[in-house]
Amino acid sequence: MTRRDLIHKWFFYALGLLPVWLLDACILPRFPLFGTIPMLLPLAAAAVAVLEGAYAGAGFGLAVGLWWETAYPGGFGGLVFGLTLAGLIMGHLSQYVLRQSFPGYLLCSAGLLAALDALRIVRGLITHSAGLGAMLQVAVPEVLWSLVWSPLVWLLFQRIYRRVGGTRLA
């Protein structure tokens, strides 16, 4: 790919992140289900990592982590490193272990969401902010509610991938 093609591709991935973020930040918080709000930004990072591979997934994970940390209050910077590492791992998994398909994406997304909530639970236990049972009552529905939105995020980024000349998808 030429430099122009790469800029074109990543511009459209960034543009695809915009409606996902708007849903995540502006629309879905107004309609919580059982008191939980889905996390869609990790789903976007997982989709690009599965579609594009390890290094592109790490780069997009870095961008999503930066966006997440700056767009939402209370961040400590860990999401930047975490989503970069997650993009790298999910990209490697999609290249060498899993298929580059929706089931592979769903597995990567579920793992990423579970890891993010597990880290929140560990932080909550260390700071004694709540008990394990209370945190699990929030984390489990949050992961499941987020996974309900995964087909929409997958279709959006898969369409972008096919439109900008992705060659890995079979």
Protein backbone atom coordinates (compact mmCIF):
# COMPACT_ATOMS: atom_id res chain seq x y z
CA MET A 1 0.00 0.00 0.00
CA THR A 2 1.12 3.50 -0.70
CA ARG A 3 1.36 6.13 2.01
CA ARG A 4 -1.79 7.75 0.65
CA ASP A 5 -3.66 4.44 0.85
CA LEU A 6 -2.55 3.95 4.46
CA ILE A 7 -3.66 7.45 5.44
CA HIS A 8 -6.97 6.84 3.67
CA LYS A 9 -7.46 3.52 5.48
CA TRP A 10 -6.70 4.83 8.96
CA PHE A 11 -8.79 7.94 8.36
CA PHE A 12 -11.80 5.71 7.73
CA TYR A 13 -11.06 3.57 10.78
CA ALA A 14 -10.94 6.77 12.86
CA LEU A 15 -14.16 7.91 11.23
CA GLY A 16 -15.72 4.53 12.08
CA LEU A 17 -14.72 5.01 15.70
CA LEU A 18 -16.74 8.22 15.89
CA PRO A 19 -20.28 6.68 15.81
CA VAL A 20 -19.13 3.95 18.20
CA TRP A 21 -17.90 6.60 20.62
CA LEU A 22 -21.06 8.67 20.22
CA LEU A 23 -23.16 5.62 21.07
CA ASP A 24 -20.85 4.82 23.99
CA ALA A 25 -20.70 8.35 25.41
CA CYS A 26 -23.95 10.06 24.50
CA ILE A 27 -26.75 7.64 23.67
CA LEU A 28 -26.38 4.39 25.61
CA PRO A 29 -25.70 6.01 29.02
CA ARG A 30 -29.22 7.42 28.83
CA PHE A 31 -30.70 3.93 28.59
CA PRO A 32 -28.95 1.66 31.10
CA LEU A 33 -30.09 -1.95 31.20
CA PHE A 34 -30.26 -3.33 34.75
CA GLY A 35 -28.17 -0.35 35.82
CA THR A 36 -25.29 -1.11 33.45
CA ILE A 37 -23.95 0.72 30.44
CA PRO A 38 -22.06 -1.16 27.71
CA MET A 39 -18.44 -0.45 26.82
CA LEU A 40 -18.13 -0.13 23.05
CA LEU A 41 -14.65 1.33 22.61
CA PRO A 42 -12.93 -1.96 23.53
CA LEU A 43 -15.13 -3.69 20.95
CA ALA A 44 -13.85 -1.32 18.27
CA ALA A 45 -10.24 -1.98 19.27
CA ALA A 46 -10.87 -5.72 19.14
CA ALA A 47 -12.50 -5.51 15.70
CA VAL A 48 -9.58 -3.69 14.12
CA ALA A 49 -7.04 -5.96 15.82
CA VAL A 50 -8.79 -9.08 14.52
CA LEU A 51 -9.15 -7.64 11.03
CA GLU A 52 -5.74 -5.99 10.64
CA GLY A 53 -3.39 -8.08 12.75
CA ALA A 54 -1.02 -7.54 15.63
CA TYR A 55 0.86 -4.34 14.86
CA ALA A 56 -2.06 -2.46 13.36
CA GLY A 57 -4.19 -3.72 16.26
CA ALA A 58 -1.65 -2.40 18.74
CA GLY A 59 -1.59 0.98 17.00
CA PHE A 60 -5.37 1.24 16.91
CA GLY A 61 -5.52 0.04 20.52
CA LEU A 62 -3.12 2.84 21.44
CA ALA A 63 -5.34 5.38 19.66
CA VAL A 64 -8.52 4.04 21.28
CA GLY A 65 -6.83 4.02 24.69
CA LEU A 66 -5.72 7.63 24.27
CA TRP A 67 -9.21 8.61 23.13
CA TRP A 68 -10.82 6.76 26.06
CA GLU A 69 -8.48 8.32 28.62
CA THR A 70 -9.02 11.85 27.33
CA ALA A 71 -12.76 11.62 26.64
CA TYR A 72 -13.81 10.19 29.99
CA PRO A 73 -12.93 11.63 33.40
CA GLY A 74 -11.02 9.74 36.05
CA GLY A 75 -8.49 7.99 33.86
CA PHE A 76 -5.03 7.15 35.13
CA GLY A 77 -3.36 6.29 31.83
CA GLY A 78 -3.54 2.52 32.17
CA LEU A 79 -6.02 2.11 29.34
CA VAL A 80 -3.48 3.43 26.85
CA PHE A 81 -1.00 0.69 27.71
CA GLY A 82 -3.70 -1.92 28.27
CA LEU A 83 -5.49 -1.46 24.96
CA THR A 84 -2.18 -1.31 23.09
CA LEU A 85 -1.15 -4.64 24.62
CA ALA A 86 -4.63 -6.07 24.06
CA GLY A 87 -4.58 -5.02 20.39
CA LEU A 88 -1.21 -6.71 19.95
CA ILE A 89 -2.37 -9.93 21.63
CA MET A 90 -5.72 -10.07 19.82
CA GLY A 91 -4.02 -9.36 16.50
CA HIS A 92 -1.56 -12.21 17.08
CA LEU A 93 -4.40 -14.52 18.12
CA SER A 94 -6.34 -13.71 14.97
CA GLN A 95 -3.26 -14.26 12.82
CA TYR A 96 -2.04 -17.54 14.30
CA VAL A 97 -4.68 -19.17 16.53
CA LEU A 98 -8.21 -17.99 15.75
CA ARG A 99 -9.97 -17.36 12.51
CA GLN A 100 -10.39 -13.83 11.30
CA SER A 101 -14.15 -14.04 11.64
CA PHE A 102 -16.99 -12.96 13.89
CA PRO A 103 -16.58 -15.91 16.30
CA GLY A 104 -12.88 -15.08 16.68
CA TYR A 105 -13.75 -11.43 17.21
CA LEU A 106 -16.43 -12.33 19.75
CA LEU A 107 -13.97 -14.46 21.70
CA CYS A 108 -11.36 -11.68 21.68
CA SER A 109 -13.96 -9.10 22.68
CA ALA A 110 -15.26 -11.22 25.53
CA GLY A 111 -11.72 -11.77 26.79
CA LEU A 112 -10.88 -8.07 26.58
CA LEU A 113 -14.07 -6.98 28.35
CA ALA A 114 -13.59 -9.60 31.05
CA ALA A 115 -9.97 -8.52 31.56
CA LEU A 116 -10.96 -4.85 31.84
CA ASP A 117 -13.64 -5.62 34.41
CA ALA A 118 -11.32 -7.99 36.27
CA LEU A 119 -8.80 -5.17 36.60
CA ARG A 120 -11.54 -2.87 37.88
CA ILE A 121 -12.54 -5.50 40.43
CA VAL A 122 -8.94 -5.93 41.60
CA ARG A 123 -8.58 -2.15 41.94
CA GLY A 124 -11.87 -2.03 43.87
CA LEU A 125 -10.74 -4.80 46.19
CA ILE A 126 -7.39 -3.13 46.82
CA THR A 127 -9.01 0.22 47.59
CA HIS A 128 -11.86 -1.43 49.54
CA SER A 129 -14.43 0.54 47.54
CA ALA A 130 -16.92 -2.35 47.39
CA GLY A 131 -17.23 -6.04 48.04
CA LEU A 132 -16.54 -8.72 45.47
CA GLY A 133 -20.21 -9.69 45.17
CA ALA A 134 -21.32 -6.13 44.51
CA MET A 135 -18.65 -5.58 41.88
CA LEU A 136 -19.48 -8.86 40.13
CA GLN A 137 -23.15 -7.82 40.04
CA VAL A 138 -22.06 -4.87 37.94
CA ALA A 139 -19.23 -6.46 35.92
CA VAL A 140 -21.02 -9.54 34.60
CA PRO A 141 -24.07 -7.70 33.19
CA GLU A 142 -21.76 -5.00 31.80
CA VAL A 143 -19.73 -7.56 29.85
CA LEU A 144 -22.85 -9.33 28.58
CA TRP A 145 -24.59 -6.07 27.64
CA SER A 146 -21.46 -4.93 25.83
CA LEU A 147 -21.28 -8.20 23.89
CA VAL A 148 -24.85 -7.65 22.68
CA TRP A 149 -23.51 -4.66 20.73
CA SER A 150 -20.59 -6.59 19.26
CA PRO A 151 -22.32 -7.59 15.97
CA LEU A 152 -23.01 -3.93 15.16
CA VAL A 153 -19.40 -2.89 15.86
CA TRP A 154 -18.04 -5.89 13.93
CA LEU A 155 -20.20 -5.15 10.87
CA LEU A 156 -19.16 -1.50 10.87
CA PHE A 157 -15.43 -2.21 11.00
CA GLN A 158 -15.64 -5.22 8.69
CA ARG A 159 -17.34 -3.02 6.12
CA ILE A 160 -14.62 -0.39 6.50
CA TYR A 161 -11.98 -3.12 6.22
CA ARG A 162 -13.43 -4.42 2.98
CA ARG A 163 -13.93 -0.92 1.60
CA VAL A 164 -10.36 0.26 2.21
CA GLY A 165 -8.74 -2.75 0.58
CA GLY A 166 -8.15 -5.16 3.41
CA THR A 167 -6.51 -8.32 2.15
CA ARG A 168 -6.44 -10.60 5.18
CA LEU A 169 -10.18 -11.43 5.41
CA ALA A 170 -11.02 -14.68 3.66
